[in-house]
């Protein structure tokens, strides 16, 4: 007896072949009633899908793409661990591309992915990105995507973030409680939402304590570590009253340590430092660095989980699937009171 095919199932049910195919793929476009009828008949007639033909129709690459600014930052290393775990569970490969915080490089990578190289994308924006139009190509070609950490608020998809505003407020509050009154804030970006939220938390905490924010104490970092150290040294020299530094990323915290050492500014006696960081050796720094630790592994895992639900169930990713996870302040000696 010849095996039953999609065309025969469609004829029996008086449905189109495409409707039967989508019903068997559990597509969101097909009603639950129709799915049940198709799946019941398929079982009765012993229908077995042809995995090779199915793969050709769906053009599945069994690969997802991950676009991140860097890997030197421990946050992204941990996030990748979470992403790869979910990918392995679903027998998928992971392609990791680095933008090095360059907007043009990001656009080139996304264009490459839009050609169909991957089944879905997880992305964390480059610090220089201001125009997000290149991501629209993915939407036009129905390639599912989830943003994590550095997200595009205007793009209608799921976003996995942390409580950046609350953490920015909490970090500044911690320095204020430690006696600081002239606190510098080192930004990764002033146009991405992650930078804006952390900055707003910093500003609101100062104002809540009756302090007027000083624009001269805001410094936008670069992707060049040596340049960052020079900029921070200049900031400290031009504003000798600075007694606290709130760094938005760990690379700026490391540059702050080097700048203070070069200028003979003691930590925490002269300048107290706190930073967003998942640095595993934060305890081993001299002095140990007070950090706002993000749940990086969980963020990567949740972003991947949402993406694979879309890929495997052939369902759209909705903004309502977005999640905001909580970060944790870990106090160490870099903000200790003397």
Protein backbone atom coordinates (compact mmCIF):
# COMPACT_ATOMS: atom_id res chain seq x y z
CA UNK A 1 0.00 0.00 0.00
CA UNK A 2 1.38 3.39 -1.05
CA UNK A 3 1.93 5.92 1.74
CA UNK A 4 -0.69 8.65 2.19
CA UNK A 5 0.41 12.09 1.06
CA UNK A 6 -0.77 15.65 1.70
CA UNK A 7 -2.81 15.80 -1.49
CA UNK A 8 -4.83 12.72 -0.49
CA UNK A 9 -5.50 14.14 2.97
CA UNK A 10 -6.64 17.40 1.40
CA UNK A 11 -9.03 15.60 -0.97
CA UNK A 12 -10.56 13.56 1.84
CA UNK A 13 -11.20 16.70 3.90
CA UNK A 14 -12.10 18.99 0.97
CA UNK A 15 -9.34 21.36 1.99
CA UNK A 16 -6.42 22.88 0.13
CA UNK A 17 -3.00 21.21 0.39
CA UNK A 18 -1.56 24.35 1.96
CA UNK A 19 -4.24 24.38 4.67
CA UNK A 20 -3.55 20.73 5.51
CA UNK A 21 0.18 21.39 5.60
CA UNK A 22 -0.21 24.37 7.95
CA UNK A 23 -2.60 22.41 10.17
CA UNK A 24 -0.07 19.60 10.55
CA UNK A 25 2.59 22.23 11.37
CA UNK A 26 0.36 23.62 14.15
CA UNK A 27 0.23 27.02 12.44
CA UNK A 28 -1.51 29.84 14.31
CA UNK A 29 -3.31 30.68 11.03
CA UNK A 30 -5.44 27.51 11.22
CA UNK A 31 -8.35 27.11 13.64
CA UNK A 32 -8.20 24.54 16.43
CA UNK A 33 -11.20 22.69 14.92
CA UNK A 34 -9.55 22.31 11.51
CA UNK A 35 -6.26 21.24 13.09
CA UNK A 36 -8.05 18.53 15.07
CA UNK A 37 -9.83 17.18 11.94
CA UNK A 38 -6.64 17.10 9.89
CA UNK A 39 -4.54 15.52 12.62
CA UNK A 40 -7.22 12.90 13.37
CA UNK A 41 -7.46 11.80 9.73
CA UNK A 42 -3.66 11.79 9.40
CA UNK A 43 -3.46 9.36 12.32
CA UNK A 44 -6.25 7.17 10.93
CA UNK A 45 -4.62 6.89 7.51
CA UNK A 46 -1.12 6.50 8.90
CA UNK A 47 0.24 9.67 7.31
CA UNK A 48 3.99 10.12 7.80
CA UNK A 49 5.58 13.44 6.78
CA UNK A 50 8.55 13.37 4.45
CA UNK A 51 11.26 15.12 6.51
CA UNK A 52 13.36 15.99 3.45
CA UNK A 53 10.47 17.53 1.53
CA UNK A 54 9.27 19.30 4.63
CA UNK A 55 12.70 20.82 5.15
CA UNK A 56 12.77 22.07 1.54
CA UNK A 57 9.30 23.63 1.82
CA UNK A 58 10.09 25.39 5.02
CA UNK A 59 13.66 26.20 4.01
CA UNK A 60 14.80 25.59 7.57
CA UNK A 61 18.50 26.12 8.13
CA UNK A 62 18.42 24.71 11.69
CA UNK A 63 20.50 27.77 12.62
CA UNK A 64 19.79 30.97 14.53
CA UNK A 65 21.83 34.16 14.40
CA UNK A 66 22.99 36.16 17.42
CA UNK A 67 24.08 39.78 16.95
CA UNK A 68 25.97 41.33 19.88
CA UNK A 69 28.30 44.32 20.38
CA UNK A 70 31.19 42.38 21.95
CA UNK A 71 32.21 39.22 23.80
CA UNK A 72 34.80 40.74 26.12
CA UNK A 73 31.92 41.97 28.29
CA UNK A 74 31.03 39.13 30.66
CA UNK A 75 27.34 39.91 30.32
CA UNK A 76 27.31 38.75 26.71
CA UNK A 77 29.39 35.66 27.44
CA UNK A 78 26.81 34.56 30.02
CA UNK A 79 23.89 35.46 27.74
CA UNK A 80 25.38 33.32 24.95
CA UNK A 81 25.58 30.38 27.36
CA UNK A 82 21.84 30.67 27.97
CA UNK A 83 21.10 31.00 24.26
CA UNK A 84 23.22 28.01 23.28
CA UNK A 85 21.61 25.80 25.91
CA UNK A 86 18.15 26.38 24.43
CA UNK A 87 19.52 25.96 20.90
CA UNK A 88 21.02 22.58 21.80
CA UNK A 89 17.74 21.47 23.33
CA UNK A 90 16.13 22.15 19.94
CA UNK A 91 18.97 20.66 17.86
CA UNK A 92 19.92 24.04 16.41
CA UNK A 93 23.24 25.69 15.65
CA UNK A 94 24.15 29.24 16.69
CA UNK A 95 25.95 31.79 14.51
CA UNK A 96 27.45 34.63 16.57
CA UNK A 97 28.29 37.93 14.89
CA UNK A 98 30.01 40.89 16.56
CA UNK A 99 29.23 44.50 15.64
CA UNK A 100 32.00 46.01 17.79
CA UNK A 101 29.43 48.73 18.57
CA UNK A 102 29.53 49.85 14.92
CA UNK A 103 26.15 50.73 13.39
CA UNK A 104 27.23 50.06 9.78
CA UNK A 105 28.63 46.67 10.70
CA UNK A 106 25.34 45.83 12.41
CA UNK A 107 23.37 46.80 9.28
CA UNK A 108 25.64 44.62 7.11
CA UNK A 109 25.17 41.61 9.41
CA UNK A 110 21.39 42.01 9.50
CA UNK A 111 21.28 42.29 5.69
CA UNK A 112 23.25 39.03 5.50
CA UNK A 113 20.78 37.32 7.81
CA UNK A 114 17.81 38.71 5.87
CA UNK A 115 18.91 36.64 2.87
CA UNK A 116 17.60 33.54 4.65
CA UNK A 117 20.81 32.26 6.20
CA UNK A 118 19.08 31.73 9.57
CA UNK A 119 15.62 30.79 10.88
CA UNK A 120 15.55 33.52 13.53
CA UNK A 121 17.66 36.22 15.16
CA UNK A 122 18.52 37.39 18.67
CA UNK A 123 19.98 40.89 18.76
CA UNK A 124 21.53 43.37 21.18
CA UNK A 125 22.08 46.75 19.54
CA UNK A 126 25.39 48.43 18.79
CA UNK A 127 26.09 51.49 20.92
CA UNK A 128 26.29 53.72 17.84
CA UNK A 129 22.99 52.61 16.28
CA UNK A 130 20.48 55.41 15.78
CA UNK A 131 18.71 54.28 12.60
CA UNK A 132 16.93 50.95 13.06
CA UNK A 133 15.50 50.61 9.54
CA UNK A 134 17.75 47.65 8.65
CA UNK A 135 15.79 45.48 11.09
CA UNK A 136 12.60 46.14 9.11
CA UNK A 137 13.94 43.88 6.35
CA UNK A 138 13.70 40.93 8.73
CA UNK A 139 10.09 41.73 9.48
CA UNK A 140 9.28 42.07 5.77
CA UNK A 141 10.74 38.61 5.15
CA UNK A 142 8.98 37.08 8.18
CA UNK A 143 12.21 36.22 9.97
CA UNK A 144 11.40 36.14 13.72
CA UNK A 145 13.56 38.25 16.01
CA UNK A 146 13.89 39.01 19.72
CA UNK A 147 15.90 41.89 21.18
CA UNK A 148 17.71 41.51 24.50
CA UNK A 149 19.48 43.99 26.80
CA UNK A 150 20.09 46.78 24.25
CA UNK A 151 16.70 46.89 22.56
CA UNK A 152 14.84 48.91 19.94
CA UNK A 153 11.67 50.15 21.62
CA UNK A 154 10.01 51.07 18.30
CA UNK A 155 10.25 47.57 16.83
CA UNK A 156 7.14 45.43 17.32
CA UNK A 157 8.64 42.27 18.80
CA UNK A 158 9.53 40.77 22.18
CA UNK A 159 12.29 42.40 24.23
CA UNK A 160 14.14 40.88 27.19
CA UNK A 161 15.55 43.60 29.45
CA UNK A 162 16.42 44.31 33.05
CA UNK A 163 15.06 47.01 35.34
CA UNK A 164 17.52 49.60 34.01
CA UNK A 165 15.79 52.68 35.42
CA UNK A 166 15.44 51.21 38.92
CA UNK A 167 19.00 49.91 38.86
CA UNK A 168 20.34 53.29 37.70
CA UNK A 169 18.48 54.96 40.54
CA UNK A 170 19.67 52.33 43.03
CA UNK A 171 23.32 52.65 41.96
CA UNK A 172 23.23 56.43 42.38
CA UNK A 173 21.37 56.11 45.68
CA UNK A 174 24.09 53.76 46.90
CA UNK A 175 26.81 56.33 46.15
CA UNK A 176 24.78 59.07 47.81
CA UNK A 177 24.31 56.93 50.91
CA UNK A 178 28.09 56.42 50.93
CA UNK A 179 28.55 60.18 51.18
CA UNK A 180 29.19 61.11 47.54
CA UNK A 181 27.83 64.45 46.33
CA UNK A 182 29.63 64.97 43.00
CA UNK A 183 28.82 61.83 41.04
CA UNK A 184 29.91 61.33 37.43
CA UNK A 185 27.91 59.07 35.15
CA UNK A 186 29.66 57.23 32.33
CA UNK A 187 27.25 56.29 29.53
CA UNK A 188 27.52 53.57 26.91
CA UNK A 189 24.98 55.38 24.73
CA UNK A 190 22.65 58.33 25.15
CA UNK A 191 20.25 57.36 22.36
CA UNK A 192 19.57 53.68 23.08
CA UNK A 193 16.79 53.06 25.60
CA UNK A 194 19.15 51.17 27.93
CA UNK A 195 21.35 54.25 28.26
CA UNK A 196 18.41 56.61 28.58
CA UNK A 197 16.79 54.60 31.37
CA UNK A 198 20.00 54.27 33.40
CA UNK A 199 20.70 57.97 32.91
CA UNK A 200 17.18 58.91 34.01
CA UNK A 201 17.55 56.80 37.15
CA UNK A 202 20.80 58.64 37.92
CA UNK A 203 19.23 62.07 37.37
CA UNK A 204 16.10 61.31 39.42
CA UNK A 205 18.14 59.98 42.34
CA UNK A 206 20.22 63.16 42.44
CA UNK A 207 17.14 65.36 42.32
CA UNK A 208 15.43 63.31 45.03
CA UNK A 209 18.36 64.28 47.29
CA UNK A 210 18.11 67.95 46.42
CA UNK A 211 21.12 67.89 44.07
CA UNK A 212 21.08 69.60 40.69
CA UNK A 213 22.53 67.34 37.97
CA UNK A 214 25.66 68.78 36.37
CA UNK A 215 25.96 68.11 32.60
CA UNK A 216 29.74 68.42 32.97
CA UNK A 217 29.71 65.17 34.97
CA UNK A 218 28.18 63.13 32.12
CA UNK A 219 30.61 61.30 29.86
CA UNK A 220 29.75 59.20 26.82
CA UNK A 221 32.20 56.34 26.42
CA UNK A 222 33.60 54.94 23.18
CA UNK A 223 34.45 51.46 21.92
CA UNK A 224 38.17 52.21 22.44
CA UNK A 225 39.44 51.37 25.93
CA UNK A 226 42.53 53.60 25.76
CA UNK A 227 40.39 56.51 24.60
CA UNK A 228 37.98 55.90 27.46
CA UNK A 229 40.78 56.03 30.02
CA UNK A 230 42.00 59.33 28.57
CA UNK A 231 38.48 60.81 28.63
CA UNK A 232 37.93 59.76 32.25
CA UNK A 233 41.30 61.17 33.31
CA UNK A 234 40.39 64.47 31.68
CA UNK A 235 36.98 64.41 33.40
CA UNK A 236 38.59 63.88 36.81
CA UNK A 237 41.19 66.58 36.20
CA UNK A 238 38.62 69.12 35.02
CA UNK A 239 36.26 68.26 37.89
CA UNK A 240 38.47 67.55 40.95
CA UNK A 241 35.41 67.51 43.24
CA UNK A 242 34.18 64.23 41.72
CA UNK A 243 33.87 61.74 44.58
CA UNK A 244 31.77 59.05 42.89
CA UNK A 245 31.56 57.32 39.50
CA UNK A 246 28.58 55.36 38.21
CA UNK A 247 29.66 53.38 35.12
CA UNK A 248 26.94 52.01 32.86
CA UNK A 249 29.12 49.10 31.65
CA UNK A 250 32.08 47.22 33.11
CA UNK A 251 34.57 48.35 30.45
CA UNK A 252 34.06 51.95 31.61
CA UNK A 253 34.56 50.83 35.22
CA UNK A 254 37.88 49.22 34.29
CA UNK A 255 38.94 52.41 32.52
CA UNK A 256 37.94 54.34 35.65
CA UNK A 257 40.21 52.17 37.80
CA UNK A 258 43.12 52.81 35.44
CA UNK A 259 42.39 56.54 35.28
CA UNK A 260 42.27 56.85 39.08
CA UNK A 261 45.51 54.89 39.42
CA UNK A 262 47.22 57.11 36.83
CA UNK A 263 46.10 60.28 38.65
CA UNK A 264 46.81 58.96 42.14
CA UNK A 265 43.12 59.08 43.10
CA UNK A 266 42.47 56.40 45.70
CA UNK A 267 39.44 54.07 45.52
CA UNK A 268 37.27 54.33 47.62
CA UNK A 269 38.90 57.03 49.78
CA UNK A 270 38.91 59.71 47.06
CA UNK A 271 36.52 58.27 44.47
CA UNK A 272 33.92 55.54 44.94
CA UNK A 273 32.99 53.44 41.89
CA UNK A 274 29.94 51.34 41.06
CA UNK A 275 29.16 49.71 37.72
CA UNK A 276 26.78 47.47 35.85
CA UNK A 277 28.89 44.33 35.55
CA UNK A 278 28.83 40.53 35.56
CA UNK A 279 32.59 40.37 35.96
CA UNK A 280 33.48 37.08 37.66
CA UNK A 281 36.70 38.50 39.09
CA UNK A 282 35.09 41.65 40.54
CA UNK A 283 36.04 40.32 44.00
CA UNK A 284 39.69 40.10 42.95
CA UNK A 285 40.08 43.70 41.81
CA UNK A 286 41.92 46.14 44.04
CA UNK A 287 39.66 47.18 45.60
CA UNK A 288 36.81 44.74 44.80
CA UNK A 289 34.22 46.41 42.55
CA UNK A 290 30.66 47.12 43.70
CA UNK A 291 28.39 45.96 40.87
CA UNK A 292 24.87 45.89 39.54
CA UNK A 293 24.75 42.30 38.29
CA UNK A 294 22.25 41.49 35.55
CA UNK A 295 20.70 38.01 35.18
CA UNK A 296 22.56 37.61 31.88
CA UNK A 297 22.24 33.83 31.52
CA UNK A 298 18.49 33.98 32.21
CA UNK A 299 18.07 36.84 29.73
CA UNK A 300 19.75 34.85 26.98
CA UNK A 301 17.75 31.75 27.80
CA UNK A 302 14.40 33.59 27.86
CA UNK A 303 15.11 35.40 24.60
CA UNK A 304 15.99 32.08 22.94
CA UNK A 305 12.95 30.34 24.40
CA UNK A 306 10.61 32.93 22.88
CA UNK A 307 12.40 32.77 19.53
CA UNK A 308 12.20 28.98 19.29
CA UNK A 309 8.53 28.98 20.22
CA UNK A 310 7.98 31.18 17.16
CA UNK A 311 10.21 29.10 14.87
CA UNK A 312 8.85 25.70 15.86
CA UNK A 313 5.18 26.69 16.16
CA UNK A 314 5.23 29.04 13.16
CA UNK A 315 3.71 31.82 15.25
CA UNK A 316 4.50 35.55 15.32
CA UNK A 317 6.46 37.07 18.19
CA UNK A 318 4.42 39.70 20.00
CA UNK A 319 5.56 42.69 22.08
CA UNK A 320 3.38 41.31 24.89
CA UNK A 321 5.90 38.47 25.30
CA UNK A 322 8.51 40.97 26.52
CA UNK A 323 10.01 40.47 29.97
CA UNK A 324 11.86 42.70 32.44
CA UNK A 325 14.10 40.79 34.83
CA UNK A 326 15.62 42.15 38.04
CA UNK A 327 19.28 43.03 38.57
CA UNK A 328 21.08 42.78 41.90
CA UNK A 329 23.37 45.29 43.65
CA UNK A 330 26.42 43.54 45.11
CA UNK A 331 28.27 45.81 47.54
CA UNK A 332 32.06 45.56 47.70
CA UNK A 333 34.95 47.75 48.82
CA UNK A 334 35.01 50.16 45.88
CA UNK A 335 32.13 52.05 47.52
CA UNK A 336 33.05 51.45 51.16
CA UNK A 337 32.90 54.38 53.56
CA UNK A 338 36.15 55.25 55.28
